[in-house]
N, C-alpha and C. Protein backbone atom coordinates (compact mmCIF):
# COMPACT_ATOMS: atom_id res chain seq x y z
N MET A 1 131.34 18.54 -34.72
CA MET A 1 130.53 19.49 -35.41
C MET A 1 131.21 20.84 -35.58
N GLY A 2 131.23 21.26 -36.83
CA GLY A 2 131.87 22.56 -37.11
C GLY A 2 130.90 23.65 -37.05
N MET A 3 131.36 24.86 -36.92
CA MET A 3 130.44 26.01 -36.92
C MET A 3 130.14 26.43 -38.36
N GLN A 4 128.82 26.72 -38.46
CA GLN A 4 128.36 27.23 -39.81
C GLN A 4 128.81 28.64 -40.03
N PRO A 5 129.13 28.94 -41.30
CA PRO A 5 129.52 30.34 -41.58
C PRO A 5 128.35 31.32 -41.41
N LEU A 6 128.52 32.54 -40.92
CA LEU A 6 127.47 33.44 -40.85
C LEU A 6 126.96 33.79 -42.15
N ALA A 7 125.52 33.96 -42.25
CA ALA A 7 124.98 34.35 -43.53
C ALA A 7 125.40 35.81 -43.79
N ARG A 8 125.61 36.07 -45.06
CA ARG A 8 125.94 37.41 -45.42
C ARG A 8 124.73 38.38 -45.38
N ILE A 9 124.82 39.38 -44.60
CA ILE A 9 123.74 40.35 -44.52
C ILE A 9 123.84 41.32 -45.67
N ARG A 10 122.68 41.33 -46.35
CA ARG A 10 122.63 42.23 -47.56
C ARG A 10 121.72 43.45 -47.26
N GLY A 11 122.12 44.68 -47.57
CA GLY A 11 121.41 45.92 -47.36
C GLY A 11 120.84 46.31 -48.67
N PHE A 12 120.15 47.50 -48.62
CA PHE A 12 119.58 48.12 -49.85
C PHE A 12 120.65 48.91 -50.54
N THR A 13 120.60 48.91 -51.83
CA THR A 13 121.52 49.75 -52.60
C THR A 13 120.83 51.21 -52.69
N LEU A 14 121.70 52.12 -53.01
CA LEU A 14 121.26 53.52 -53.19
C LEU A 14 120.16 53.66 -54.24
N VAL A 15 120.24 52.87 -55.28
CA VAL A 15 119.30 52.94 -56.39
C VAL A 15 117.93 52.41 -55.85
N GLU A 16 117.89 51.32 -55.09
CA GLU A 16 116.64 50.78 -54.53
C GLU A 16 116.03 51.75 -53.55
N LEU A 17 116.89 52.42 -52.70
CA LEU A 17 116.32 53.43 -51.84
C LEU A 17 115.68 54.59 -52.52
N PHE A 18 116.31 55.04 -53.62
CA PHE A 18 115.85 56.10 -54.48
C PHE A 18 114.51 55.82 -55.12
N VAL A 19 114.41 54.58 -55.56
CA VAL A 19 113.13 54.17 -56.24
C VAL A 19 111.98 54.17 -55.19
N VAL A 20 112.27 53.57 -54.00
CA VAL A 20 111.22 53.53 -53.02
C VAL A 20 110.81 54.91 -52.49
N LEU A 21 111.81 55.79 -52.30
CA LEU A 21 111.51 57.16 -51.96
C LEU A 21 110.70 57.88 -53.06
N SER A 22 110.95 57.67 -54.24
CA SER A 22 110.26 58.27 -55.36
C SER A 22 108.77 57.83 -55.46
N ILE A 23 108.61 56.49 -55.13
CA ILE A 23 107.19 56.04 -55.12
C ILE A 23 106.45 56.65 -53.93
N VAL A 24 107.06 56.65 -52.78
CA VAL A 24 106.37 57.22 -51.63
C VAL A 24 106.02 58.75 -51.87
N LEU A 25 106.90 59.56 -52.44
CA LEU A 25 106.70 60.94 -52.68
C LEU A 25 105.60 61.10 -53.81
N LEU A 26 105.60 60.24 -54.81
CA LEU A 26 104.57 60.28 -55.83
C LEU A 26 103.15 59.98 -55.19
N LEU A 27 103.09 58.91 -54.37
CA LEU A 27 101.78 58.59 -53.78
C LEU A 27 101.34 59.68 -52.81
N GLY A 28 102.29 60.28 -52.14
CA GLY A 28 101.95 61.38 -51.19
C GLY A 28 101.44 62.60 -51.98
N GLY A 29 102.03 62.82 -53.16
CA GLY A 29 101.63 64.04 -53.98
C GLY A 29 100.18 63.73 -54.39
N PHE A 30 99.83 62.59 -54.84
CA PHE A 30 98.39 62.28 -55.24
C PHE A 30 97.48 62.44 -54.08
N ALA A 31 97.89 61.92 -52.94
CA ALA A 31 97.00 62.07 -51.76
C ALA A 31 96.77 63.55 -51.44
N LEU A 32 97.83 64.29 -51.44
CA LEU A 32 97.69 65.74 -51.04
C LEU A 32 96.82 66.47 -52.08
N HIS A 33 96.97 66.18 -53.33
CA HIS A 33 96.17 66.77 -54.40
C HIS A 33 94.71 66.43 -54.12
N GLY A 34 94.39 65.22 -53.78
CA GLY A 34 92.98 64.80 -53.51
C GLY A 34 92.44 65.49 -52.31
N VAL A 35 93.18 65.56 -51.28
CA VAL A 35 92.74 66.29 -50.07
C VAL A 35 92.48 67.78 -50.32
N THR A 36 93.41 68.44 -51.11
CA THR A 36 93.23 69.83 -51.46
C THR A 36 91.96 70.07 -52.36
N ARG A 37 91.74 69.22 -53.33
CA ARG A 37 90.51 69.27 -54.19
C ARG A 37 89.29 69.11 -53.30
N GLN A 38 89.28 68.08 -52.41
CA GLN A 38 88.14 67.89 -51.56
C GLN A 38 87.88 69.07 -50.68
N SER A 39 88.93 69.65 -50.13
CA SER A 39 88.86 70.78 -49.24
C SER A 39 88.25 72.00 -50.03
N GLN A 40 88.64 72.28 -51.27
CA GLN A 40 88.07 73.36 -52.06
C GLN A 40 86.60 73.07 -52.38
N ASN A 41 86.26 71.83 -52.64
CA ASN A 41 84.84 71.47 -52.86
C ASN A 41 83.95 71.77 -51.68
N HIS A 42 84.48 71.35 -50.49
CA HIS A 42 83.74 71.63 -49.22
C HIS A 42 83.72 73.14 -48.97
N TYR A 43 84.64 73.93 -49.26
CA TYR A 43 84.61 75.29 -49.15
C TYR A 43 83.57 75.98 -49.98
N MET A 44 83.44 75.59 -51.19
CA MET A 44 82.41 76.14 -52.14
C MET A 44 81.08 75.68 -51.78
N ASP A 45 80.88 74.39 -51.32
CA ASP A 45 79.56 73.94 -50.89
C ASP A 45 79.13 74.71 -49.70
N GLY A 46 80.06 74.97 -48.73
CA GLY A 46 79.72 75.73 -47.57
C GLY A 46 79.39 77.11 -47.82
N LEU A 47 80.06 77.81 -48.83
CA LEU A 47 79.73 79.16 -49.16
C LEU A 47 78.40 79.23 -49.81
N GLN A 48 78.11 78.29 -50.65
CA GLN A 48 76.84 78.24 -51.35
C GLN A 48 75.68 78.06 -50.37
N GLY A 49 75.93 77.09 -49.47
CA GLY A 49 74.94 76.87 -48.42
C GLY A 49 74.66 78.08 -47.46
N ALA A 50 75.72 78.73 -47.10
CA ALA A 50 75.54 79.98 -46.19
C ALA A 50 74.78 81.03 -46.96
N PHE A 51 75.11 81.24 -48.26
CA PHE A 51 74.52 82.34 -49.04
C PHE A 51 73.03 81.98 -49.24
N MET A 52 72.73 80.64 -49.44
CA MET A 52 71.35 80.28 -49.69
C MET A 52 70.57 80.46 -48.37
N THR A 53 71.14 80.17 -47.19
CA THR A 53 70.43 80.39 -45.97
C THR A 53 70.19 81.84 -45.77
N LEU A 54 71.12 82.75 -46.04
CA LEU A 54 70.90 84.13 -45.97
C LEU A 54 69.74 84.64 -46.85
N LEU A 55 69.61 84.11 -48.11
CA LEU A 55 68.58 84.49 -49.00
C LEU A 55 67.22 83.95 -48.46
N LEU A 56 67.13 82.76 -47.93
CA LEU A 56 65.92 82.26 -47.37
C LEU A 56 65.52 83.07 -46.14
N ASN A 57 66.47 83.42 -45.24
CA ASN A 57 66.17 84.27 -44.10
C ASN A 57 65.61 85.66 -44.53
N ALA A 58 66.19 86.20 -45.57
CA ALA A 58 65.70 87.55 -46.02
C ALA A 58 64.32 87.40 -46.61
N ARG A 59 64.00 86.40 -47.39
CA ARG A 59 62.68 86.20 -47.93
C ARG A 59 61.63 85.99 -46.82
N ASN A 60 62.03 85.19 -45.90
CA ASN A 60 61.08 84.91 -44.76
C ASN A 60 60.86 86.18 -44.00
N ALA A 61 61.86 86.97 -43.69
CA ALA A 61 61.69 88.16 -42.93
C ALA A 61 60.81 89.21 -43.64
N ALA A 62 60.89 89.17 -44.94
CA ALA A 62 59.98 90.12 -45.65
C ALA A 62 58.52 89.78 -45.57
N VAL A 63 58.29 88.47 -45.61
CA VAL A 63 56.89 87.91 -45.45
C VAL A 63 56.38 88.12 -44.08
N ILE A 64 57.18 87.61 -43.07
CA ILE A 64 56.76 87.68 -41.67
C ILE A 64 56.49 89.04 -41.12
N ASN A 65 57.47 89.93 -41.54
CA ASN A 65 57.45 91.34 -40.96
C ASN A 65 56.65 92.31 -41.78
N GLN A 66 56.22 91.81 -43.03
CA GLN A 66 55.48 92.57 -44.04
C GLN A 66 56.26 93.93 -44.36
N VAL A 67 57.46 93.72 -44.69
CA VAL A 67 58.30 94.89 -45.03
C VAL A 67 59.33 94.42 -46.08
N ALA A 68 59.66 95.30 -47.06
CA ALA A 68 60.65 94.84 -48.08
C ALA A 68 61.96 94.64 -47.36
N VAL A 69 62.76 93.66 -47.98
CA VAL A 69 64.01 93.28 -47.50
C VAL A 69 65.06 93.41 -48.62
N ILE A 70 66.16 94.15 -48.38
CA ILE A 70 67.19 94.35 -49.41
C ILE A 70 68.32 93.37 -49.08
N VAL A 71 68.93 92.69 -50.11
CA VAL A 71 70.10 91.86 -49.98
C VAL A 71 71.15 92.48 -50.91
N CYS A 72 72.26 92.86 -50.44
CA CYS A 72 73.23 93.48 -51.22
C CYS A 72 74.66 93.19 -50.75
N PRO A 73 75.66 93.40 -51.59
CA PRO A 73 77.07 93.27 -51.09
C PRO A 73 77.42 94.64 -50.26
N VAL A 74 78.25 94.37 -49.25
CA VAL A 74 78.51 95.59 -48.37
C VAL A 74 79.63 96.38 -49.08
N ARG A 75 79.62 97.68 -48.75
CA ARG A 75 80.58 98.58 -49.42
C ARG A 75 82.01 98.31 -48.85
N THR A 76 82.08 98.26 -47.53
CA THR A 76 83.35 97.97 -46.86
C THR A 76 83.05 97.02 -45.69
N GLN A 77 84.00 96.12 -45.39
CA GLN A 77 83.79 95.23 -44.33
C GLN A 77 83.69 95.88 -42.99
N ARG A 78 82.87 95.41 -42.11
CA ARG A 78 82.68 95.97 -40.71
C ARG A 78 83.88 95.70 -39.85
N GLN A 79 84.44 96.73 -39.29
CA GLN A 79 85.51 96.64 -38.38
C GLN A 79 85.08 96.28 -36.95
N ASP A 80 83.90 96.90 -36.53
CA ASP A 80 83.29 96.52 -35.27
C ASP A 80 81.82 96.79 -35.37
N MET A 81 81.00 96.43 -34.36
CA MET A 81 79.68 96.54 -34.49
C MET A 81 79.07 97.91 -34.60
N SER A 82 79.88 98.91 -34.28
CA SER A 82 79.37 100.36 -34.45
C SER A 82 79.46 100.89 -35.85
N ASP A 83 80.23 100.12 -36.73
CA ASP A 83 80.34 100.70 -38.10
C ASP A 83 78.98 100.53 -38.81
N GLN A 84 78.61 101.58 -39.59
CA GLN A 84 77.32 101.55 -40.34
C GLN A 84 77.69 100.91 -41.64
N LEU A 85 76.81 99.93 -42.07
CA LEU A 85 76.99 99.23 -43.28
C LEU A 85 76.11 99.88 -44.47
N ARG A 86 76.78 99.90 -45.57
CA ARG A 86 76.00 100.48 -46.77
C ARG A 86 76.23 99.46 -47.87
N CYS A 87 75.25 99.46 -48.80
CA CYS A 87 75.32 98.66 -49.99
C CYS A 87 76.49 99.11 -50.90
N GLY A 88 77.22 98.06 -51.42
CA GLY A 88 78.36 98.36 -52.28
C GLY A 88 78.03 98.21 -53.75
N LYS A 89 79.13 98.16 -54.52
CA LYS A 89 78.92 98.11 -56.02
C LYS A 89 78.52 96.68 -56.41
N ARG A 90 78.04 96.56 -57.59
CA ARG A 90 77.64 95.26 -58.22
C ARG A 90 78.77 94.25 -58.18
N ASN A 91 78.44 93.08 -57.83
CA ASN A 91 79.29 91.87 -57.81
C ASN A 91 80.50 92.00 -56.95
N ASN A 92 80.41 92.87 -55.81
CA ASN A 92 81.41 92.86 -54.78
C ASN A 92 80.98 92.05 -53.63
N TRP A 93 80.27 90.98 -53.93
CA TRP A 93 79.74 90.15 -52.79
C TRP A 93 80.81 89.48 -51.91
N HIS A 94 82.08 89.37 -52.39
CA HIS A 94 83.14 88.79 -51.64
C HIS A 94 83.54 89.64 -50.45
N ARG A 95 83.08 90.96 -50.51
CA ARG A 95 83.42 91.88 -49.29
C ARG A 95 82.44 91.67 -48.14
N GLY A 96 81.47 90.84 -48.40
CA GLY A 96 80.39 90.55 -47.35
C GLY A 96 79.10 90.79 -47.94
N VAL A 97 78.05 90.20 -47.25
CA VAL A 97 76.66 90.39 -47.81
C VAL A 97 75.78 90.73 -46.55
N MET A 98 74.86 91.63 -46.85
CA MET A 98 73.90 91.88 -45.73
C MET A 98 72.45 91.91 -46.29
N ALA A 99 71.53 91.60 -45.40
CA ALA A 99 70.11 91.63 -45.69
C ALA A 99 69.44 92.46 -44.58
N PHE A 100 68.74 93.45 -44.92
CA PHE A 100 68.03 94.30 -43.99
C PHE A 100 66.72 94.76 -44.50
N THR A 101 65.83 95.11 -43.52
CA THR A 101 64.52 95.67 -43.80
C THR A 101 64.76 97.04 -44.41
N ASP A 102 63.81 97.40 -45.30
CA ASP A 102 63.93 98.70 -45.96
C ASP A 102 62.55 99.38 -45.93
N ARG A 103 62.20 99.99 -44.79
CA ARG A 103 60.87 100.51 -44.58
C ARG A 103 60.50 101.65 -45.41
N ASN A 104 61.54 102.57 -45.71
CA ASN A 104 61.26 103.71 -46.53
C ASN A 104 61.71 103.64 -48.01
N GLY A 105 62.24 102.44 -48.45
CA GLY A 105 62.49 102.17 -49.80
C GLY A 105 63.77 102.92 -50.32
N ASN A 106 64.67 103.39 -49.38
CA ASN A 106 65.80 104.09 -49.87
C ASN A 106 67.05 103.18 -50.00
N ARG A 107 66.94 101.89 -49.74
CA ARG A 107 68.04 100.85 -49.87
C ARG A 107 69.27 101.24 -48.97
N ILE A 108 68.95 101.88 -47.83
CA ILE A 108 70.01 102.20 -46.85
C ILE A 108 69.51 101.67 -45.48
N LEU A 109 70.48 101.01 -44.73
CA LEU A 109 70.14 100.54 -43.44
C LEU A 109 69.98 101.75 -42.47
N ASP A 110 68.78 102.23 -42.31
CA ASP A 110 68.51 103.38 -41.53
C ASP A 110 68.25 102.92 -40.04
N ALA A 111 68.01 103.90 -39.16
CA ALA A 111 67.81 103.60 -37.73
C ALA A 111 66.49 102.84 -37.52
N GLU A 112 65.47 103.05 -38.38
CA GLU A 112 64.19 102.35 -38.33
C GLU A 112 64.24 100.91 -38.92
N ASP A 113 65.35 100.59 -39.64
CA ASP A 113 65.45 99.33 -40.24
C ASP A 113 66.24 98.35 -39.29
N LYS A 114 66.22 97.11 -39.60
CA LYS A 114 66.97 96.19 -38.87
C LYS A 114 67.69 95.16 -39.75
N MET A 115 68.79 94.65 -39.26
CA MET A 115 69.61 93.71 -39.99
C MET A 115 68.94 92.37 -39.82
N VAL A 116 68.66 91.72 -40.97
CA VAL A 116 68.09 90.39 -40.97
C VAL A 116 69.07 89.26 -41.01
N ALA A 117 70.08 89.42 -41.78
CA ALA A 117 71.16 88.35 -41.88
C ALA A 117 72.35 89.09 -42.45
N GLU A 118 73.59 88.45 -42.09
CA GLU A 118 74.83 89.03 -42.50
C GLU A 118 75.85 87.88 -42.83
N LEU A 119 76.55 88.03 -43.85
CA LEU A 119 77.63 87.07 -44.25
C LEU A 119 78.91 87.79 -44.29
N PRO A 120 79.94 87.46 -43.54
CA PRO A 120 81.20 88.12 -43.59
C PRO A 120 81.94 87.96 -44.91
N GLY A 121 82.89 88.76 -45.20
CA GLY A 121 83.63 88.66 -46.46
C GLY A 121 84.41 87.38 -46.56
N PHE A 122 84.72 87.00 -47.72
CA PHE A 122 85.50 85.77 -47.97
C PHE A 122 86.54 86.07 -49.04
N ALA A 123 87.74 85.31 -48.97
CA ALA A 123 88.84 85.66 -49.82
C ALA A 123 89.09 84.82 -51.00
N HIS A 124 88.56 83.61 -50.95
CA HIS A 124 89.03 82.66 -52.10
C HIS A 124 87.86 82.42 -53.04
N ALA A 125 86.94 83.25 -53.16
CA ALA A 125 85.84 83.03 -54.08
C ALA A 125 85.16 84.36 -54.44
N THR A 126 84.46 84.41 -55.56
CA THR A 126 83.67 85.52 -56.04
C THR A 126 82.24 84.99 -56.35
N ILE A 127 81.31 85.99 -56.32
CA ILE A 127 79.93 85.67 -56.62
C ILE A 127 79.47 86.66 -57.66
N ARG A 128 78.89 86.21 -58.76
CA ARG A 128 78.31 87.07 -59.79
C ARG A 128 76.83 87.00 -59.84
N TRP A 129 76.20 88.06 -59.70
CA TRP A 129 74.65 88.14 -59.75
C TRP A 129 74.26 88.62 -61.01
N ARG A 130 73.51 87.80 -61.74
CA ARG A 130 72.99 88.14 -63.08
C ARG A 130 71.49 87.94 -63.04
N ALA A 131 70.81 89.05 -63.34
CA ALA A 131 69.33 88.95 -63.23
C ALA A 131 68.60 89.89 -64.13
N PHE A 132 67.35 89.69 -64.35
CA PHE A 132 66.48 90.59 -65.03
C PHE A 132 66.46 91.87 -64.23
N ARG A 133 66.39 93.01 -64.89
CA ARG A 133 66.48 94.38 -64.25
C ARG A 133 67.82 94.75 -63.86
N ASN A 134 68.88 93.93 -63.93
CA ASN A 134 70.30 94.18 -63.79
C ASN A 134 70.63 95.16 -62.67
N ARG A 135 70.13 94.84 -61.48
CA ARG A 135 70.50 95.71 -60.31
C ARG A 135 71.65 95.19 -59.51
N SER A 136 72.35 95.96 -58.71
CA SER A 136 73.44 95.49 -57.88
C SER A 136 72.90 94.83 -56.58
N TYR A 137 71.66 94.90 -56.37
CA TYR A 137 71.03 94.43 -55.17
C TYR A 137 69.89 93.52 -55.46
N LEU A 138 69.38 92.88 -54.45
CA LEU A 138 68.17 92.07 -54.61
C LEU A 138 67.07 92.58 -53.63
N ARG A 139 65.80 92.66 -54.02
CA ARG A 139 64.79 93.10 -53.13
C ARG A 139 63.70 92.10 -53.06
N PHE A 140 63.42 91.65 -51.83
CA PHE A 140 62.20 90.82 -51.63
C PHE A 140 61.09 91.67 -51.23
N THR A 141 59.91 91.40 -51.76
CA THR A 141 58.69 92.17 -51.42
C THR A 141 57.97 91.44 -50.25
N THR A 142 56.92 92.07 -49.75
CA THR A 142 56.19 91.61 -48.57
C THR A 142 55.50 90.25 -48.91
N GLN A 143 55.37 89.93 -50.21
CA GLN A 143 54.84 88.59 -50.58
C GLN A 143 55.92 87.55 -50.79
N GLY A 144 57.21 87.95 -50.60
CA GLY A 144 58.24 87.02 -50.81
C GLY A 144 58.73 86.93 -52.21
N LEU A 145 58.17 87.85 -53.05
CA LEU A 145 58.62 87.86 -54.49
C LEU A 145 59.95 88.63 -54.64
N THR A 146 60.52 88.54 -55.77
CA THR A 146 61.82 89.18 -56.00
C THR A 146 61.70 90.54 -56.77
N ASP A 147 60.55 91.17 -56.82
CA ASP A 147 60.45 92.34 -57.62
C ASP A 147 60.97 92.26 -58.98
N TRP A 148 60.54 91.14 -59.62
CA TRP A 148 60.91 90.86 -61.00
C TRP A 148 62.41 90.84 -61.16
N GLN A 149 63.19 90.22 -60.22
CA GLN A 149 64.60 90.10 -60.38
C GLN A 149 65.03 88.69 -60.43
N ASN A 150 64.29 87.82 -61.25
CA ASN A 150 64.75 86.48 -61.43
C ASN A 150 66.09 86.44 -62.07
N GLY A 151 66.97 85.50 -61.60
CA GLY A 151 68.31 85.44 -62.11
C GLY A 151 69.08 84.30 -61.44
N ASN A 152 70.39 84.52 -61.34
CA ASN A 152 71.22 83.35 -60.66
C ASN A 152 72.47 84.09 -60.09
N PHE A 153 72.94 83.34 -59.00
CA PHE A 153 74.21 83.73 -58.38
C PHE A 153 75.18 82.64 -58.78
N LEU A 154 76.29 83.03 -59.46
CA LEU A 154 77.33 82.07 -59.84
C LEU A 154 78.51 82.22 -58.85
N PHE A 155 78.91 81.16 -58.26
CA PHE A 155 80.00 81.09 -57.28
C PHE A 155 81.24 80.49 -57.97
N CYS A 156 82.38 81.29 -57.85
CA CYS A 156 83.58 80.88 -58.56
C CYS A 156 84.73 80.91 -57.58
N ASN A 157 85.47 79.83 -57.53
CA ASN A 157 86.72 79.75 -56.64
C ASN A 157 87.85 80.47 -57.26
N SER A 158 88.81 80.86 -56.47
CA SER A 158 89.96 81.54 -57.14
C SER A 158 90.69 80.56 -57.98
N ASP A 159 90.54 79.32 -57.79
CA ASP A 159 90.99 78.26 -58.75
C ASP A 159 89.84 78.02 -59.77
N PRO A 160 89.90 78.42 -61.01
CA PRO A 160 88.69 78.42 -61.86
C PRO A 160 88.31 77.12 -62.47
N LYS A 161 88.67 76.08 -61.93
CA LYS A 161 88.29 74.71 -62.35
C LYS A 161 86.73 74.61 -62.42
N PRO A 162 86.22 74.03 -63.39
CA PRO A 162 84.69 73.92 -63.51
C PRO A 162 84.10 73.05 -62.36
N GLN A 163 84.94 72.17 -61.78
CA GLN A 163 84.47 71.30 -60.73
C GLN A 163 84.14 72.14 -59.47
N LEU A 164 84.64 73.34 -59.42
CA LEU A 164 84.47 74.22 -58.18
C LEU A 164 83.35 75.19 -58.29
N ALA A 165 82.82 75.29 -59.48
CA ALA A 165 81.77 76.28 -59.68
C ALA A 165 80.42 75.84 -59.08
N ARG A 166 79.75 76.76 -58.52
CA ARG A 166 78.37 76.48 -57.93
C ARG A 166 77.35 77.59 -58.45
N GLN A 167 76.09 77.32 -58.38
CA GLN A 167 75.12 78.31 -58.77
C GLN A 167 73.92 78.16 -57.92
N ILE A 168 73.21 79.25 -57.62
CA ILE A 168 71.87 79.39 -57.06
C ILE A 168 71.10 80.09 -58.05
N THR A 169 69.94 79.51 -58.50
CA THR A 169 69.02 80.15 -59.42
C THR A 169 67.80 80.63 -58.54
N LEU A 170 67.45 81.81 -58.76
CA LEU A 170 66.29 82.41 -58.07
C LEU A 170 65.16 82.83 -59.03
N ASN A 171 63.99 82.32 -58.83
CA ASN A 171 62.92 82.68 -59.73
C ASN A 171 62.08 83.88 -59.27
N TYR A 172 61.16 84.35 -60.07
CA TYR A 172 60.39 85.52 -59.68
C TYR A 172 59.64 85.35 -58.40
N ALA A 173 59.18 84.14 -58.05
CA ALA A 173 58.44 83.86 -56.82
C ALA A 173 59.31 83.83 -55.63
N GLY A 174 60.64 83.88 -55.79
CA GLY A 174 61.54 83.91 -54.67
C GLY A 174 61.97 82.53 -54.29
N ARG A 175 61.73 81.58 -55.15
CA ARG A 175 62.17 80.21 -54.89
C ARG A 175 63.64 80.00 -55.32
N LEU A 176 64.43 79.18 -54.50
CA LEU A 176 65.85 79.00 -54.75
C LEU A 176 66.06 77.59 -55.15
N TYR A 177 67.02 77.42 -56.11
CA TYR A 177 67.45 76.12 -56.61
C TYR A 177 68.91 76.10 -56.77
N LYS A 178 69.51 75.01 -56.21
CA LYS A 178 70.88 74.82 -56.44
C LYS A 178 71.22 74.09 -57.72
N ALA A 179 72.23 74.44 -58.47
CA ALA A 179 72.58 73.79 -59.69
C ALA A 179 73.06 72.36 -59.37
N PRO A 180 72.43 71.30 -59.95
CA PRO A 180 72.76 70.01 -59.67
C PRO A 180 73.96 69.49 -60.49
N ASP A 181 74.45 68.33 -60.17
CA ASP A 181 75.46 67.61 -61.02
C ASP A 181 74.70 66.38 -61.52
N ARG A 182 73.91 66.50 -62.57
CA ARG A 182 72.99 65.49 -63.03
C ARG A 182 73.73 64.26 -63.53
N ASN A 183 74.82 64.46 -64.26
CA ASN A 183 75.48 63.23 -64.82
C ASN A 183 76.63 62.75 -63.96
N GLN A 184 76.71 63.20 -62.70
CA GLN A 184 77.72 62.77 -61.73
C GLN A 184 79.17 62.76 -62.21
N ASP A 185 79.52 63.88 -63.01
CA ASP A 185 80.81 63.97 -63.49
C ASP A 185 81.67 64.88 -62.68
N GLY A 186 81.11 65.44 -61.59
CA GLY A 186 81.78 66.32 -60.76
C GLY A 186 81.64 67.80 -61.17
N ILE A 187 80.88 68.13 -62.22
CA ILE A 187 80.63 69.49 -62.66
C ILE A 187 79.14 69.72 -62.64
N HIS A 188 78.70 70.85 -61.97
CA HIS A 188 77.33 71.14 -61.83
C HIS A 188 76.81 71.82 -63.09
N GLU A 189 75.55 71.70 -63.34
CA GLU A 189 75.01 72.26 -64.59
C GLU A 189 73.87 73.22 -64.22
N ASN A 190 73.75 74.18 -65.12
CA ASN A 190 72.57 75.17 -64.87
C ASN A 190 71.31 74.55 -65.39
N PRO A 191 70.17 75.34 -65.15
CA PRO A 191 68.88 74.78 -65.49
C PRO A 191 68.73 74.28 -66.97
N ALA A 192 69.54 74.82 -67.88
CA ALA A 192 69.52 74.38 -69.23
C ALA A 192 70.36 73.09 -69.46
N GLY A 193 71.01 72.62 -68.47
CA GLY A 193 71.84 71.44 -68.55
C GLY A 193 73.26 71.68 -69.01
N ILE A 194 73.64 72.95 -69.06
CA ILE A 194 74.98 73.31 -69.55
C ILE A 194 75.94 73.43 -68.29
N ALA A 195 77.17 72.85 -68.43
CA ALA A 195 78.09 72.83 -67.28
C ALA A 195 78.47 74.31 -66.97
N LEU A 196 78.55 74.55 -65.64
CA LEU A 196 78.91 75.87 -65.12
C LEU A 196 80.38 76.08 -65.52
N ARG A 197 80.70 77.35 -65.84
CA ARG A 197 82.00 77.75 -66.14
C ARG A 197 82.33 79.11 -65.43
N CYS A 198 83.51 79.32 -65.00
CA CYS A 198 83.96 80.49 -64.29
C CYS A 198 84.97 81.32 -65.03
N ASP A 199 85.31 80.93 -66.25
CA ASP A 199 86.36 81.71 -66.96
C ASP A 199 85.79 82.86 -67.77
């Protein structure tokens, strides 16, 4: 019996390795894009939820304590707890949001007032407040009404894709509604059924 010749061992060619590497990188890119988009959606959902909770807490505090409550963007972010907060300019909500009792009606957080809720500043989104009476702040009355300030808050990501836009609609009675995605296309619509846009 003679010995069998050894089978020739065949490796991969450089072209084959390049093709496999290209496919792996392409699939990785798609996966990373999906993770990034999902992360941005979660960020916007979380911001919308936190803002809605702040508004609900402000409305409830006005009714329970029988005192007007102001919700407004802060002028500058608080460095420590001793810093006095003041209301800032219109649509500067990204600097932070505060809700406080306003016993004397001057829209300033005085010594006799108390903080009801606070939302720290955020870097990757903006909020636009559009409402009847066009004020830079929102006021809840002792009945939980909005002092005729029905309108909406539009949340826009620094990436202006329509899939990342969110909205809270606020009616005169102080009721809050999130803009839904009725047709399940990934884009939320306003109460009139029009897709939200941030451009």
